[in-house]
Amino acid sequence: GFAVSGRINYADSVKGRFTISRGSAQNTVNLQ
């Protein structure tokens, strides 16, 4: 998830495997 500061937090179990990103459309978020 994105913190208010913009920092991205990942669970240890998914680090290196999952990537969160903002979508190009307004108010969207993706998880690869």
PDB file of all heavy atoms in Angstrom:
ATOM      1  N   GLY A   1       0.795  -1.204   0.000  1.00  0.00           N
ATOM      2  CA  GLY A   1       0.000   0.000   0.000  1.00  0.00           C
ATOM      3  C   GLY A   1       0.835   1.263   0.000  1.00  0.00           C
ATOM      4  O   GLY A   1       2.018   1.248   0.355  1.00  0.00           O
ATOM      5  N   PHE A   2       0.191   2.342  -0.409  1.00  0.00           N
ATOM      6  CA  PHE A   2       0.804   3.665  -0.397  1.00  0.00           C
ATOM      7  C   PHE A   2       0.419   4.381   0.881  1.00  0.00           C
ATOM      8  O   PHE A   2      -0.767   4.526   1.186  1.00  0.00           O
ATOM      9  CB  PHE A   2       0.339   4.490  -1.598  1.00  0.00           C
ATOM     10  CG  PHE A   2       0.842   4.007  -2.922  1.00  0.00           C
ATOM     11  CD1 PHE A   2       0.079   3.150  -3.699  1.00  0.00           C
ATOM     12  CD2 PHE A   2       2.074   4.419  -3.399  1.00  0.00           C
ATOM     13  CE1 PHE A   2       0.537   2.712  -4.925  1.00  0.00           C
ATOM     14  CE2 PHE A   2       2.542   3.990  -4.622  1.00  0.00           C
ATOM     15  CZ  PHE A   2       1.773   3.129  -5.388  1.00  0.00           C
ATOM     16  N   ALA A   3       1.408   4.834   1.621  1.00  0.00           N
ATOM     17  CA  ALA A   3       1.163   5.689   2.759  1.00  0.00           C
ATOM     18  C   ALA A   3       0.850   7.100   2.279  1.00  0.00           C
ATOM     19  O   ALA A   3       1.016   7.426   1.104  1.00  0.00           O
ATOM     20  CB  ALA A   3       2.378   5.698   3.685  1.00  0.00           C
ATOM     21  N   VAL A   4       0.382   7.935   3.191  1.00  0.00           N
ATOM     22  CA  VAL A   4       0.075   9.318   2.843  1.00  0.00           C
ATOM     23  C   VAL A   4       1.307  10.012   2.266  1.00  0.00           C
ATOM     24  O   VAL A   4       1.204  10.824   1.342  1.00  0.00           O
ATOM     25  CB  VAL A   4      -0.463  10.084   4.059  1.00  0.00           C
ATOM     26  CG1 VAL A   4      -0.648  11.566   3.726  1.00  0.00           C
ATOM     27  CG2 VAL A   4      -1.788   9.485   4.520  1.00  0.00           C
ATOM     28  N   SER A   5       2.476   9.673   2.801  1.00  0.00           N
ATOM     29  CA  SER A   5       3.726  10.256   2.341  1.00  0.00           C
ATOM     30  C   SER A   5       4.117   9.806   0.936  1.00  0.00           C
ATOM     31  O   SER A   5       5.010  10.396   0.331  1.00  0.00           O
ATOM     32  CB  SER A   5       4.852   9.904   3.307  1.00  0.00           C
ATOM     33  OG  SER A   5       5.108   8.510   3.294  1.00  0.00           O
ATOM     34  N   GLY A   6       3.473   8.769   0.436  1.00  0.00           N
ATOM     35  CA  GLY A   6       3.848   8.180  -0.831  1.00  0.00           C
ATOM     36  C   GLY A   6       4.736   6.965  -0.693  1.00  0.00           C
ATOM     37  O   GLY A   6       4.982   6.259  -1.677  1.00  0.00           O
ATOM     38  N   ARG A   7       5.221   6.724   0.488  1.00  0.00           N
ATOM     39  CA  ARG A   7       6.025   5.531   0.741  1.00  0.00           C
ATOM     40  C   ARG A   7       5.206   4.281   0.472  1.00  0.00           C
ATOM     41  O   ARG A   7       4.023   4.215   0.792  1.00  0.00           O
ATOM     42  CB  ARG A   7       6.523   5.537   2.181  1.00  0.00           C
ATOM     43  CG  ARG A   7       7.276   4.283   2.604  1.00  0.00           C
ATOM     44  CD  ARG A   7       7.667   4.347   4.058  1.00  0.00           C
ATOM     45  NE  ARG A   7       8.309   3.130   4.506  1.00  0.00           N
ATOM     46  CZ  ARG A   7       8.709   2.895   5.750  1.00  0.00           C
ATOM     47  NH1 ARG A   7       8.532   3.828   6.678  1.00  0.00           N
ATOM     48  NH2 ARG A   7       9.287   1.751   6.069  1.00  0.00           N
ATOM     49  N   ILE A   8       5.853   3.292  -0.097  1.00  0.00           N
ATOM     50  CA  ILE A   8       5.204   2.030  -0.386  1.00  0.00           C
ATOM     51  C   ILE A   8       5.606   1.002   0.661  1.00  0.00           C
ATOM     52  O   ILE A   8       6.790   0.815   0.941  1.00  0.00           O
ATOM     53  CB  ILE A   8       5.573   1.514  -1.784  1.00  0.00           C
ATOM     54  CG1 ILE A   8       5.139   2.517  -2.858  1.00  0.00           C
ATOM     55  CG2 ILE A   8       4.923   0.159  -2.037  1.00  0.00           C
ATOM     56  CD1 ILE A   8       5.581   2.147  -4.256  1.00  0.00           C
ATOM     57  N   ASN A   9       4.622   0.361   1.228  1.00  0.00           N
ATOM     58  CA  ASN A   9       4.859  -0.685   2.214  1.00  0.00           C
ATOM     59  C   ASN A   9       4.467  -2.038   1.637  1.00  0.00           C
ATOM     60  O   ASN A   9       3.387  -2.192   1.056  1.00  0.00           O
ATOM     61  CB  ASN A   9       4.053  -0.414   3.487  1.00  0.00           C
ATOM     62  CG  ASN A   9       4.462   0.872   4.171  1.00  0.00           C
ATOM     63  OD1 ASN A   9       5.650   1.119   4.381  1.00  0.00           O
ATOM     64  ND2 ASN A   9       3.489   1.704   4.528  1.00  0.00           N
ATOM     65  N   TYR A  10       5.338  -3.019   1.806  1.00  0.00           N
ATOM     66  CA  TYR A  10       5.075  -4.388   1.381  1.00  0.00           C
ATOM     67  C   TYR A  10       5.190  -5.328   2.564  1.00  0.00           C
ATOM     68  O   TYR A  10       6.046  -5.151   3.441  1.00  0.00           O
ATOM     69  CB  TYR A  10       6.072  -4.853   0.325  1.00  0.00           C
ATOM     70  CG  TYR A  10       5.933  -4.204  -1.037  1.00  0.00           C
ATOM     71  CD1 TYR A  10       6.768  -3.164  -1.420  1.00  0.00           C
ATOM     72  CD2 TYR A  10       4.985  -4.650  -1.942  1.00  0.00           C
ATOM     73  CE1 TYR A  10       6.657  -2.577  -2.661  1.00  0.00           C
ATOM     74  CE2 TYR A  10       4.865  -4.068  -3.194  1.00  0.00           C
ATOM     75  CZ  TYR A  10       5.709  -3.025  -3.550  1.00  0.00           C
ATOM     76  OH  TYR A  10       5.595  -2.451  -4.797  1.00  0.00           O
ATOM     77  N   ALA A  11       4.340  -6.332   2.577  1.00  0.00           N
ATOM     78  CA  ALA A  11       4.529  -7.406   3.527  1.00  0.00           C
ATOM     79  C   ALA A  11       5.819  -8.145   3.196  1.00  0.00           C
ATOM     80  O   ALA A  11       6.170  -8.306   2.022  1.00  0.00           O
ATOM     81  CB  ALA A  11       3.351  -8.371   3.490  1.00  0.00           C
ATOM     82  N   ASP A  12       6.523  -8.593   4.224  1.00  0.00           N
ATOM     83  CA  ASP A  12       7.781  -9.296   3.991  1.00  0.00           C
ATOM     84  C   ASP A  12       7.596 -10.511   3.088  1.00  0.00           C
ATOM     85  O   ASP A  12       8.483 -10.854   2.295  1.00  0.00           O
ATOM     86  CB  ASP A  12       8.402  -9.731   5.321  1.00  0.00           C
ATOM     87  CG  ASP A  12       8.959  -8.574   6.113  1.00  0.00           C
ATOM     88  OD1 ASP A  12       9.198  -7.500   5.537  1.00  0.00           O
ATOM     89  OD2 ASP A  12       9.171  -8.751   7.336  1.00  0.00           O
ATOM     90  N   SER A  13       6.456 -11.150   3.193  1.00  0.00           N
ATOM     91  CA  SER A  13       6.216 -12.368   2.444  1.00  0.00           C
ATOM     92  C   SER A  13       6.077 -12.148   0.943  1.00  0.00           C
ATOM     93  O   SER A  13       6.163 -13.106   0.170  1.00  0.00           O
ATOM     94  CB  SER A  13       4.963 -13.072   2.975  1.00  0.00           C
ATOM     95  OG  SER A  13       3.825 -12.242   2.845  1.00  0.00           O
ATOM     96  N   VAL A  14       5.861 -10.902   0.513  1.00  0.00           N
ATOM     97  CA  VAL A  14       5.658 -10.639  -0.910  1.00  0.00           C
ATOM     98  C   VAL A  14       6.736  -9.751  -1.515  1.00  0.00           C
ATOM     99  O   VAL A  14       6.713  -9.516  -2.730  1.00  0.00           O
ATOM    100  CB  VAL A  14       4.271 -10.014  -1.179  1.00  0.00           C
ATOM    101  CG1 VAL A  14       3.172 -10.854  -0.553  1.00  0.00           C
ATOM    102  CG2 VAL A  14       4.211  -8.578  -0.674  1.00  0.00           C
ATOM    103  N   LYS A  15       7.659  -9.284  -0.714  1.00  0.00           N
ATOM    104  CA  LYS A  15       8.722  -8.416  -1.226  1.00  0.00           C
ATOM    105  C   LYS A  15       9.515  -9.131  -2.317  1.00  0.00           C
ATOM    106  O   LYS A  15       9.886 -10.286  -2.175  1.00  0.00           O
ATOM    107  CB  LYS A  15       9.658  -7.982  -0.099  1.00  0.00           C
ATOM    108  CG  LYS A  15       9.068  -6.955   0.841  1.00  0.00           C
ATOM    109  CD  LYS A  15      10.068  -6.549   1.918  1.00  0.00           C
ATOM    110  CE  LYS A  15       9.488  -5.490   2.836  1.00  0.00           C
ATOM    111  NZ  LYS A  15      10.422  -5.122   3.918  1.00  0.00           N
ATOM    112  N   GLY A  16       9.740  -8.407  -3.389  1.00  0.00           N
ATOM    113  CA  GLY A  16      10.465  -8.973  -4.514  1.00  0.00           C
ATOM    114  C   GLY A  16       9.593  -9.721  -5.487  1.00  0.00           C
ATOM    115  O   GLY A  16      10.058 -10.065  -6.585  1.00  0.00           O
ATOM    116  N   ARG A  17       8.351  -9.995  -5.123  1.00  0.00           N
ATOM    117  CA  ARG A  17       7.444 -10.729  -5.993  1.00  0.00           C
ATOM    118  C   ARG A  17       6.248  -9.890  -6.438  1.00  0.00           C
ATOM    119  O   ARG A  17       5.769 -10.051  -7.563  1.00  0.00           O
ATOM    120  CB  ARG A  17       6.928 -11.991  -5.297  1.00  0.00           C
ATOM    121  CG  ARG A  17       8.028 -12.972  -4.909  1.00  0.00           C
ATOM    122  CD  ARG A  17       7.443 -14.293  -4.409  1.00  0.00           C
ATOM    123  NE  ARG A  17       6.638 -14.118  -3.197  1.00  0.00           N
ATOM    124  CZ  ARG A  17       5.344 -14.413  -3.104  1.00  0.00           C
ATOM    125  NH1 ARG A  17       4.697 -14.908  -4.153  1.00  0.00           N
ATOM    126  NH2 ARG A  17       4.701 -14.242  -1.958  1.00  0.00           N
ATOM    127  N   PHE A  18       5.749  -9.030  -5.559  1.00  0.00           N
ATOM    128  CA  PHE A  18       4.580  -8.208  -5.858  1.00  0.00           C
ATOM    129  C   PHE A  18       4.998  -6.760  -6.054  1.00  0.00           C
ATOM    130  O   PHE A  18       5.928  -6.277  -5.402  1.00  0.00           O
ATOM    131  CB  PHE A  18       3.564  -8.258  -4.717  1.00  0.00           C
ATOM    132  CG  PHE A  18       2.874  -9.583  -4.528  1.00  0.00           C
ATOM    133  CD1 PHE A  18       3.287 -10.722  -5.199  1.00  0.00           C
ATOM    134  CD2 PHE A  18       1.799  -9.675  -3.655  1.00  0.00           C
ATOM    135  CE1 PHE A  18       2.649 -11.938  -5.014  1.00  0.00           C
ATOM    136  CE2 PHE A  18       1.148 -10.878  -3.460  1.00  0.00           C
ATOM    137  CZ  PHE A  18       1.572 -12.013  -4.133  1.00  0.00           C
ATOM    138  N   THR A  19       4.279  -6.061  -6.918  1.00  0.00           N
ATOM    139  CA  THR A  19       4.525  -4.650  -7.157  1.00  0.00           C
ATOM    140  C   THR A  19       3.205  -3.897  -7.197  1.00  0.00           C
ATOM    141  O   THR A  19       2.316  -4.245  -7.979  1.00  0.00           O
ATOM    142  CB  THR A  19       5.276  -4.415  -8.476  1.00  0.00           C
ATOM    143  OG1 THR A  19       6.511  -5.137  -8.475  1.00  0.00           O
ATOM    144  CG2 THR A  19       5.575  -2.928  -8.660  1.00  0.00           C
ATOM    145  N   ILE A  20       3.083  -2.883  -6.355  1.00  0.00           N
ATOM    146  CA  ILE A  20       1.893  -2.043  -6.360  1.00  0.00           C
ATOM    147  C   ILE A  20       2.193  -0.785  -7.165  1.00  0.00           C
ATOM    148  O   ILE A  20       3.304  -0.267  -7.138  1.00  0.00           O
ATOM    149  CB  ILE A  20       1.451  -1.684  -4.927  1.00  0.00           C
ATOM    150  CG1 ILE A  20       0.087  -0.988  -4.933  1.00  0.00           C
ATOM    151  CG2 ILE A  20       2.495  -0.833  -4.215  1.00  0.00           C
ATOM    152  CD1 ILE A  20      -0.507  -0.783  -3.538  1.00  0.00           C
ATOM    153  N   SER A  21       1.206  -0.294  -7.881  1.00  0.00           N
ATOM    154  CA  SER A  21       1.396   0.895  -8.691  1.00  0.00           C
ATOM    155  C   SER A  21       0.086   1.645  -8.848  1.00  0.00           C
ATOM    156  O   SER A  21      -1.003   1.060  -8.762  1.00  0.00           O
ATOM    157  CB  SER A  21       1.967   0.545 -10.066  1.00  0.00           C
ATOM    158  OG  SER A  21       1.069  -0.277 -10.791  1.00  0.00           O
ATOM    159  N   ARG A  22       0.204   2.935  -9.065  1.00  0.00           N
ATOM    160  CA  ARG A  22      -0.961   3.749  -9.386  1.00  0.00           C
ATOM    161  C   ARG A  22      -1.316   3.568 -10.846  1.00  0.00           C
ATOM    162  O   ARG A  22      -0.440   3.527 -11.709  1.00  0.00           O
ATOM    163  CB  ARG A  22      -0.664   5.218  -9.107  1.00  0.00           C
ATOM    164  CG  ARG A  22      -0.367   5.543  -7.656  1.00  0.00           C
ATOM    165  CD  ARG A  22      -1.635   5.752  -6.874  1.00  0.00           C
ATOM    166  NE  ARG A  22      -1.353   6.279  -5.537  1.00  0.00           N
ATOM    167  CZ  ARG A  22      -2.282   6.616  -4.641  1.00  0.00           C
ATOM    168  NH1 ARG A  22      -3.562   6.494  -4.944  1.00  0.00           N
ATOM    169  NH2 ARG A  22      -1.925   7.072  -3.463  1.00  0.00           N
ATOM    170  N   GLY A  23      -2.587   3.465 -11.127  1.00  0.00           N
ATOM    171  CA  GLY A  23      -3.024   3.396 -12.504  1.00  0.00           C
ATOM    172  C   GLY A  23      -3.005   4.766 -13.143  1.00  0.00           C
ATOM    173  O   GLY A  23      -2.979   5.796 -12.472  1.00  0.00           O
ATOM    174  N   SER A  24      -3.012   4.767 -14.472  1.00  0.00           N
ATOM    175  CA  SER A  24      -3.018   6.042 -15.186  1.00  0.00           C
ATOM    176  C   SER A  24      -4.343   6.766 -15.021  1.00  0.00           C
ATOM    177  O   SER A  24      -4.390   7.999 -15.042  1.00  0.00           O
ATOM    178  CB  SER A  24      -2.724   5.815 -16.671  1.00  0.00           C
ATOM    179  OG  SER A  24      -3.667   4.938 -17.258  1.00  0.00           O
ATOM    180  N   ALA A  25      -5.411   6.021 -14.860  1.00  0.00           N
ATOM    181  CA  ALA A  25      -6.718   6.619 -14.619  1.00  0.00           C
ATOM    182  C   ALA A  25      -6.813   7.106 -13.185  1.00  0.00           C
ATOM    183  O   ALA A  25      -6.108   6.628 -12.294  1.00  0.00           O
ATOM    184  CB  ALA A  25      -7.830   5.625 -14.919  1.00  0.00           C
ATOM    185  N   GLN A  26      -7.681   8.034 -12.957  1.00  0.00           N
ATOM    186  CA  GLN A  26      -7.850   8.611 -11.637  1.00  0.00           C
ATOM    187  C   GLN A  26      -8.365   7.571 -10.648  1.00  0.00           C
ATOM    188  O   GLN A  26      -9.259   6.780 -10.959  1.00  0.00           O
ATOM    189  CB  GLN A  26      -8.817   9.791 -11.711  1.00  0.00           C
ATOM    190  CG  GLN A  26      -8.907  10.610 -10.439  1.00  0.00           C
ATOM    191  CD  GLN A  26      -9.832  11.806 -10.598  1.00  0.00           C
ATOM    192  OE1 GLN A  26     -10.855  11.721 -11.276  1.00  0.00           O
ATOM    193  NE2 GLN A  26      -9.465  12.914  -9.987  1.00  0.00           N
ATOM    194  N   ASN A  27      -7.771   7.575  -9.468  1.00  0.00           N
ATOM    195  CA  ASN A  27      -8.219   6.736  -8.360  1.00  0.00           C
ATOM    196  C   ASN A  27      -8.213   5.251  -8.709  1.00  0.00           C
ATOM    197  O   ASN A  27      -9.194   4.526  -8.483  1.00  0.00           O
ATOM    198  CB  ASN A  27      -9.614   7.159  -7.897  1.00  0.00           C
ATOM    199  CG  ASN A  27      -9.660   8.599  -7.440  1.00  0.00           C
ATOM    200  OD1 ASN A  27      -8.727   9.081  -6.778  1.00  0.00           O
ATOM    201  ND2 ASN A  27     -10.734   9.297  -7.776  1.00  0.00           N
ATOM    202  N   THR A  28      -7.100   4.808  -9.260  1.00  0.00           N
ATOM    203  CA  THR A  28      -6.914   3.393  -9.552  1.00  0.00           C
ATOM    204  C   THR A  28      -5.599   2.920  -8.954  1.00  0.00           C
ATOM    205  O   THR A  28      -4.659   3.691  -8.778  1.00  0.00           O
ATOM    206  CB  THR A  28      -6.918   3.102 -11.059  1.00  0.00           C
ATOM    207  OG1 THR A  28      -5.792   3.754 -11.679  1.00  0.00           O
ATOM    208  CG2 THR A  28      -8.203   3.599 -11.702  1.00  0.00           C
ATOM    209  N   VAL A  29      -5.535   1.638  -8.655  1.00  0.00           N
ATOM    210  CA  VAL A  29      -4.318   1.038  -8.130  1.00  0.00           C
ATOM    211  C   VAL A  29      -4.252  -0.404  -8.619  1.00  0.00           C
ATOM    212  O   VAL A  29      -5.280  -1.090  -8.708  1.00  0.00           O
ATOM    213  CB  VAL A  29      -4.269   1.122  -6.591  1.00  0.00           C
ATOM    214  CG1 VAL A  29      -5.399   0.315  -5.951  1.00  0.00           C
ATOM    215  CG2 VAL A  29      -2.911   0.676  -6.059  1.00  0.00           C
ATOM    216  N   ASN A  30      -3.041  -0.848  -8.937  1.00  0.00           N
ATOM    217  CA  ASN A  30      -2.841  -2.194  -9.452  1.00  0.00           C
ATOM    218  C   ASN A  30      -1.892  -2.965  -8.550  1.00  0.00           C
ATOM    219  O   ASN A  30      -1.105  -2.388  -7.799  1.00  0.00           O
ATOM    220  CB  ASN A  30      -2.265  -2.150 -10.869  1.00  0.00           C
ATOM    221  CG  ASN A  30      -3.153  -1.411 -11.840  1.00  0.00           C
ATOM    222  OD1 ASN A  30      -4.373  -1.559 -11.822  1.00  0.00           O
ATOM    223  ND2 ASN A  30      -2.549  -0.606 -12.703  1.00  0.00           N
ATOM    224  N   LEU A  31      -1.964  -4.273  -8.649  1.00  0.00           N
ATOM    225  CA  LEU A  31      -1.041  -5.142  -7.933  1.00  0.00           C
ATOM    226  C   LEU A  31      -0.579  -6.229  -8.885  1.00  0.00           C
ATOM    227  O   LEU A  31      -1.367  -7.102  -9.263  1.00  0.00           O
ATOM    228  CB  LEU A  31      -1.704  -5.759  -6.700  1.00  0.00           C
ATOM    229  CG  LEU A  31      -0.788  -6.620  -5.824  1.00  0.00           C
ATOM    230  CD1 LEU A  31       0.266  -5.748  -5.138  1.00  0.00           C
ATOM    231  CD2 LEU A  31      -1.602  -7.395  -4.788  1.00  0.00           C
ATOM    232  N   GLN A  32       0.687  -6.148  -9.282  1.00  0.00           N
ATOM    233  CA  GLN A  32       1.288  -7.170 -10.116  1.00  0.00           C
ATOM    234  C   GLN A  32       1.874  -8.246  -9.211  1.00  0.00           C
ATOM    235  O   GLN A  32       2.727  -7.948  -8.370  1.00  0.00           O
ATOM    236  CB  GLN A  32       2.374  -6.574 -11.008  1.00  0.00           C
ATOM    237  CG  GLN A  32       3.119  -7.591 -11.860  1.00  0.00           C
ATOM    238  CD  GLN A  32       2.238  -8.227 -12.910  1.00  0.00           C
ATOM    239  OE1 GLN A  32       1.516  -7.532 -13.621  1.00  0.00           O
ATOM    240  NE2 GLN A  32       2.293  -9.540 -13.011  1.00  0.00           N
TER     241      GLN A  32
END
